[in-house]
Amino acid sequence: MIDKVVVDTSIFISALIGPSGPSRELIRQCLLGNYQPLMGNALFCEYESVFSRPHILK
């Protein structure tokens, strides 16, 4: 059975910004199928809001 995780916005942003570290490793493990990431509507809306910020887009 695959463990399920909720990837908070700060974890996802950290994984995209940093080339290594625990956040990046968690996303890597999700992509490898070792964890199943879960997301609800509220979290998806938060992702959209954060990703549209100019300092994040840089």
PDB file of N, CA and C in Angstrom:
ATOM      1  N   MET A   1       0.835  -1.175   0.000  1.00  0.00           N
ATOM      2  CA  MET A   1       0.000   0.000   0.000  1.00  0.00           C
ATOM      3  C   MET A   1       0.890   1.251   0.000  1.00  0.00           C
ATOM      4  N   ILE A   2       0.541   2.218  -0.818  1.00  0.00           N
ATOM      5  CA  ILE A   2       1.293   3.462  -0.926  1.00  0.00           C
ATOM      6  C   ILE A   2       0.793   4.454   0.122  1.00  0.00           C
ATOM      7  N   ASP A   3       1.744   5.084   0.810  1.00  0.00           N
ATOM      8  CA  ASP A   3       1.381   6.125   1.776  1.00  0.00           C
ATOM      9  C   ASP A   3       0.847   7.343   1.049  1.00  0.00           C
ATOM     10  N   LYS A   4      -0.157   7.967   1.636  1.00  0.00           N
ATOM     11  CA  LYS A   4      -0.758   9.171   1.070  1.00  0.00           C
ATOM     12  C   LYS A   4      -0.242  10.380   1.830  1.00  0.00           C
ATOM     13  N   VAL A   5       0.055  11.454   1.081  1.00  0.00           N
ATOM     14  CA  VAL A   5       0.549  12.681   1.698  1.00  0.00           C
ATOM     15  C   VAL A   5      -0.164  13.892   1.104  1.00  0.00           C
ATOM     16  N   VAL A   6      -0.302  14.909   1.909  1.00  0.00           N
ATOM     17  CA  VAL A   6      -0.788  16.198   1.429  1.00  0.00           C
ATOM     18  C   VAL A   6       0.425  17.113   1.369  1.00  0.00           C
ATOM     19  N   VAL A   7       0.739  17.592   0.185  1.00  0.00           N
ATOM     20  CA  VAL A   7       1.905  18.447  -0.010  1.00  0.00           C
ATOM     21  C   VAL A   7       1.457  19.900   0.131  1.00  0.00           C
ATOM     22  N   ASP A   8       1.819  20.506   1.242  1.00  0.00           N
ATOM     23  CA  ASP A   8       1.468  21.888   1.516  1.00  0.00           C
ATOM     24  C   ASP A   8       2.128  22.810   0.487  1.00  0.00           C
ATOM     25  N   THR A   9       1.557  23.981   0.305  1.00  0.00           N
ATOM     26  CA  THR A   9       2.064  24.937  -0.671  1.00  0.00           C
ATOM     27  C   THR A   9       3.526  25.300  -0.400  1.00  0.00           C
ATOM     28  N   SER A  10       3.882  25.510   0.848  1.00  0.00           N
ATOM     29  CA  SER A  10       5.266  25.878   1.161  1.00  0.00           C
ATOM     30  C   SER A  10       6.250  24.768   0.805  1.00  0.00           C
ATOM     31  N   ILE A  11       5.834  23.529   0.968  1.00  0.00           N
ATOM     32  CA  ILE A  11       6.687  22.396   0.580  1.00  0.00           C
ATOM     33  C   ILE A  11       6.873  22.371  -0.928  1.00  0.00           C
ATOM     34  N   PHE A  12       5.787  22.567  -1.663  1.00  0.00           N
ATOM     35  CA  PHE A  12       5.856  22.527  -3.119  1.00  0.00           C
ATOM     36  C   PHE A  12       6.728  23.664  -3.654  1.00  0.00           C
ATOM     37  N   ILE A  13       6.549  24.862  -3.134  1.00  0.00           N
ATOM     38  CA  ILE A  13       7.358  26.011  -3.569  1.00  0.00           C
ATOM     39  C   ILE A  13       8.831  25.773  -3.235  1.00  0.00           C
ATOM     40  N   SER A  14       9.116  25.291  -2.044  1.00  0.00           N
ATOM     41  CA  SER A  14      10.499  24.996  -1.656  1.00  0.00           C
ATOM     42  C   SER A  14      11.129  23.963  -2.581  1.00  0.00           C
ATOM     43  N   ALA A  15      10.362  22.975  -2.962  1.00  0.00           N
ATOM     44  CA  ALA A  15      10.870  21.938  -3.860  1.00  0.00           C
ATOM     45  C   ALA A  15      11.200  22.497  -5.236  1.00  0.00           C
ATOM     46  N   LEU A  16      10.418  23.454  -5.697  1.00  0.00           N
ATOM     47  CA  LEU A  16      10.670  24.053  -7.009  1.00  0.00           C
ATOM     48  C   LEU A  16      11.851  25.016  -6.976  1.00  0.00           C
ATOM     49  N   ILE A  17      12.048  25.697  -5.868  1.00  0.00           N
ATOM     50  CA  ILE A  17      13.109  26.697  -5.764  1.00  0.00           C
ATOM     51  C   ILE A  17      14.469  26.059  -5.497  1.00  0.00           C
ATOM     52  N   GLY A  18      14.513  25.134  -4.548  1.00  0.00           N
ATOM     53  CA  GLY A  18      15.790  24.546  -4.148  1.00  0.00           C
ATOM     54  C   GLY A  18      16.145  23.306  -4.948  1.00  0.00           C
ATOM     55  N   PRO A  19      17.422  23.148  -5.300  1.00  0.00           N
ATOM     56  CA  PRO A  19      17.848  21.988  -6.096  1.00  0.00           C
ATOM     57  C   PRO A  19      17.937  20.696  -5.292  1.00  0.00           C
ATOM     58  N   SER A  20      17.884  20.804  -3.973  1.00  0.00           N
ATOM     59  CA  SER A  20      17.944  19.608  -3.128  1.00  0.00           C
ATOM     60  C   SER A  20      17.223  19.908  -1.821  1.00  0.00           C
ATOM     61  N   GLY A  21      17.227  18.957  -0.931  1.00  0.00           N
ATOM     62  CA  GLY A  21      16.593  19.139   0.372  1.00  0.00           C
ATOM     63  C   GLY A  21      15.379  18.244   0.536  1.00  0.00           C
ATOM     64  N   PRO A  22      14.815  18.238   1.733  1.00  0.00           N
ATOM     65  CA  PRO A  22      13.713  17.328   2.033  1.00  0.00           C
ATOM     66  C   PRO A  22      12.444  17.608   1.218  1.00  0.00           C
ATOM     67  N   SER A  23      12.160  18.879   0.934  1.00  0.00           N
ATOM     68  CA  SER A  23      10.968  19.189   0.130  1.00  0.00           C
ATOM     69  C   SER A  23      11.105  18.624  -1.278  1.00  0.00           C
ATOM     70  N   ARG A  24      12.270  18.827  -1.862  1.00  0.00           N
ATOM     71  CA  ARG A  24      12.535  18.317  -3.211  1.00  0.00           C
ATOM     72  C   ARG A  24      12.462  16.791  -3.234  1.00  0.00           C
ATOM     73  N   GLU A  25      12.998  16.165  -2.204  1.00  0.00           N
ATOM     74  CA  GLU A  25      12.983  14.699  -2.122  1.00  0.00           C
ATOM     75  C   GLU A  25      11.565  14.168  -1.994  1.00  0.00           C
ATOM     76  N   LEU A  26      10.722  14.842  -1.232  1.00  0.00           N
ATOM     77  CA  LEU A  26       9.332  14.411  -1.096  1.00  0.00           C
ATOM     78  C   LEU A  26       8.617  14.452  -2.450  1.00  0.00           C
ATOM     79  N   ILE A  27       8.789  15.530  -3.196  1.00  0.00           N
ATOM     80  CA  ILE A  27       8.174  15.630  -4.527  1.00  0.00           C
ATOM     81  C   ILE A  27       8.738  14.557  -5.450  1.00  0.00           C
ATOM     82  N   ARG A  28      10.031  14.325  -5.378  1.00  0.00           N
ATOM     83  CA  ARG A  28      10.661  13.277  -6.195  1.00  0.00           C
ATOM     84  C   ARG A  28      10.045  11.909  -5.880  1.00  0.00           C
ATOM     85  N   GLN A  29       9.852  11.626  -4.608  1.00  0.00           N
ATOM     86  CA  GLN A  29       9.269  10.345  -4.218  1.00  0.00           C
ATOM     87  C   GLN A  29       7.816  10.221  -4.681  1.00  0.00           C
ATOM     88  N   CYS A  30       7.094  11.326  -4.693  1.00  0.00           N
ATOM     89  CA  CYS A  30       5.721  11.314  -5.228  1.00  0.00           C
ATOM     90  C   CYS A  30       5.747  10.989  -6.721  1.00  0.00           C
ATOM     91  N   LEU A  31       6.660  11.621  -7.446  1.00  0.00           N
ATOM     92  CA  LEU A  31       6.764  11.383  -8.888  1.00  0.00           C
ATOM     93  C   LEU A  31       7.213   9.952  -9.207  1.00  0.00           C
ATOM     94  N   LEU A  32       7.978   9.364  -8.313  1.00  0.00           N
ATOM     95  CA  LEU A  32       8.414   7.975  -8.494  1.00  0.00           C
ATOM     96  C   LEU A  32       7.333   6.962  -8.109  1.00  0.00           C
ATOM     97  N   GLY A  33       6.252   7.456  -7.517  1.00  0.00           N
ATOM     98  CA  GLY A  33       5.157   6.575  -7.138  1.00  0.00           C
ATOM     99  C   GLY A  33       5.267   5.977  -5.754  1.00  0.00           C
ATOM    100  N   ASN A  34       6.201   6.473  -4.961  1.00  0.00           N
ATOM    101  CA  ASN A  34       6.366   5.955  -3.605  1.00  0.00           C
ATOM    102  C   ASN A  34       5.379   6.560  -2.610  1.00  0.00           C
ATOM    103  N   TYR A  35       4.830   7.702  -2.949  1.00  0.00           N
ATOM    104  CA  TYR A  35       3.784   8.357  -2.161  1.00  0.00           C
ATOM    105  C   TYR A  35       2.679   8.797  -3.105  1.00  0.00           C
ATOM    106  N   GLN A  36       1.480   8.843  -2.610  1.00  0.00           N
ATOM    107  CA  GLN A  36       0.351   9.344  -3.391  1.00  0.00           C
ATOM    108  C   GLN A  36      -0.026  10.721  -2.846  1.00  0.00           C
ATOM    109  N   PRO A  37       0.251  11.785  -3.629  1.00  0.00           N
ATOM    110  CA  PRO A  37      -0.118  13.119  -3.143  1.00  0.00           C
ATOM    111  C   PRO A  37      -1.623  13.343  -3.250  1.00  0.00           C
ATOM    112  N   LEU A  38      -2.181  13.968  -2.232  1.00  0.00           N
ATOM    113  CA  LEU A  38      -3.609  14.280  -2.202  1.00  0.00           C
ATOM    114  C   LEU A  38      -3.790  15.792  -2.209  1.00  0.00           C
ATOM    115  N   MET A  39      -4.887  16.248  -2.825  1.00  0.00           N
ATOM    116  CA  MET A  39      -5.155  17.677  -2.886  1.00  0.00           C
ATOM    117  C   MET A  39      -6.655  17.913  -2.948  1.00  0.00           C
ATOM    118  N   GLY A  40      -7.108  18.867  -2.168  1.00  0.00           N
ATOM    119  CA  GLY A  40      -8.504  19.271  -2.211  1.00  0.00           C
ATOM    120  C   GLY A  40      -8.637  20.596  -2.948  1.00  0.00           C
ATOM    121  N   ASN A  41      -9.862  21.051  -3.087  1.00  0.00           N
ATOM    122  CA  ASN A  41     -10.121  22.303  -3.801  1.00  0.00           C
ATOM    123  C   ASN A  41      -9.451  23.496  -3.134  1.00  0.00           C
ATOM    124  N   ALA A  42      -9.509  23.570  -1.827  1.00  0.00           N
ATOM    125  CA  ALA A  42      -8.924  24.709  -1.110  1.00  0.00           C
ATOM    126  C   ALA A  42      -7.414  24.776  -1.327  1.00  0.00           C
ATOM    127  N   LEU A  43      -6.756  23.628  -1.264  1.00  0.00           N
ATOM    128  CA  LEU A  43      -5.307  23.603  -1.472  1.00  0.00           C
ATOM    129  C   LEU A  43      -4.962  23.964  -2.909  1.00  0.00           C
ATOM    130  N   PHE A  44      -5.727  23.481  -3.863  1.00  0.00           N
ATOM    131  CA  PHE A  44      -5.493  23.827  -5.267  1.00  0.00           C
ATOM    132  C   PHE A  44      -5.620  25.335  -5.473  1.00  0.00           C
ATOM    133  N   CYS A  45      -6.626  25.949  -4.873  1.00  0.00           N
ATOM    134  CA  CYS A  45      -6.807  27.408  -4.975  1.00  0.00           C
ATOM    135  C   CYS A  45      -5.631  28.149  -4.337  1.00  0.00           C
ATOM    136  N   GLU A  46      -5.119  27.612  -3.240  1.00  0.00           N
ATOM    137  CA  GLU A  46      -3.952  28.229  -2.603  1.00  0.00           C
ATOM    138  C   GLU A  46      -2.739  28.142  -3.522  1.00  0.00           C
ATOM    139  N   TYR A  47      -2.533  26.987  -4.158  1.00  0.00           N
ATOM    140  CA  TYR A  47      -1.443  26.841  -5.131  1.00  0.00           C
ATOM    141  C   TYR A  47      -1.555  27.906  -6.215  1.00  0.00           C
ATOM    142  N   GLU A  48      -2.745  28.049  -6.794  1.00  0.00           N
ATOM    143  CA  GLU A  48      -2.956  29.032  -7.852  1.00  0.00           C
ATOM    144  C   GLU A  48      -2.635  30.443  -7.372  1.00  0.00           C
ATOM    145  N   SER A  49      -3.070  30.774  -6.187  1.00  0.00           N
ATOM    146  CA  SER A  49      -2.834  32.108  -5.633  1.00  0.00           C
ATOM    147  C   SER A  49      -1.340  32.367  -5.435  1.00  0.00           C
ATOM    148  N   VAL A  50      -0.653  31.415  -4.859  1.00  0.00           N
ATOM    149  CA  VAL A  50       0.774  31.587  -4.573  1.00  0.00           C
ATOM    150  C   VAL A  50       1.589  31.624  -5.867  1.00  0.00           C
ATOM    151  N   PHE A  51       1.285  30.770  -6.817  1.00  0.00           N
ATOM    152  CA  PHE A  51       2.050  30.718  -8.057  1.00  0.00           C
ATOM    153  C   PHE A  51       1.874  31.957  -8.921  1.00  0.00           C
ATOM    154  N   SER A  52       0.854  32.727  -8.681  1.00  0.00           N
ATOM    155  CA  SER A  52       0.629  33.938  -9.482  1.00  0.00           C
ATOM    156  C   SER A  52       1.343  35.161  -8.899  1.00  0.00           C
ATOM    157  N   ARG A  53       1.987  35.016  -7.761  1.00  0.00           N
ATOM    158  CA  ARG A  53       2.701  36.134  -7.155  1.00  0.00           C
ATOM    159  C   ARG A  53       3.983  36.422  -7.944  1.00  0.00           C
ATOM    160  N   PRO A  54       4.242  37.694  -8.247  1.00  0.00           N
ATOM    161  CA  PRO A  54       5.401  38.052  -9.077  1.00  0.00           C
ATOM    162  C   PRO A  54       6.745  37.543  -8.541  1.00  0.00           C
ATOM    163  N   HIS A  55       6.965  37.628  -7.230  1.00  0.00           N
ATOM    164  CA  HIS A  55       8.260  37.186  -6.689  1.00  0.00           C
ATOM    165  C   HIS A  55       8.436  35.669  -6.773  1.00  0.00           C
ATOM    166  N   ILE A  56       7.363  34.939  -6.841  1.00  0.00           N
ATOM    167  CA  ILE A  56       7.437  33.476  -7.011  1.00  0.00           C
ATOM    168  C   ILE A  56       7.732  33.134  -8.469  1.00  0.00           C
ATOM    169  N   LEU A  57       7.136  33.878  -9.388  1.00  0.00           N
ATOM    170  CA  LEU A  57       7.339  33.613 -10.809  1.00  0.00           C
ATOM    171  C   LEU A  57       8.785  33.852 -11.253  1.00  0.00           C
ATOM    172  N   LYS A  58       9.487  34.746 -10.537  1.00  0.00           N
ATOM    173  CA  LYS A  58      10.896  35.006 -10.884  1.00  0.00           C
ATOM    174  C   LYS A  58      11.720  33.784 -10.586  1.00  0.00           C
TER     175      LYS A  58
END
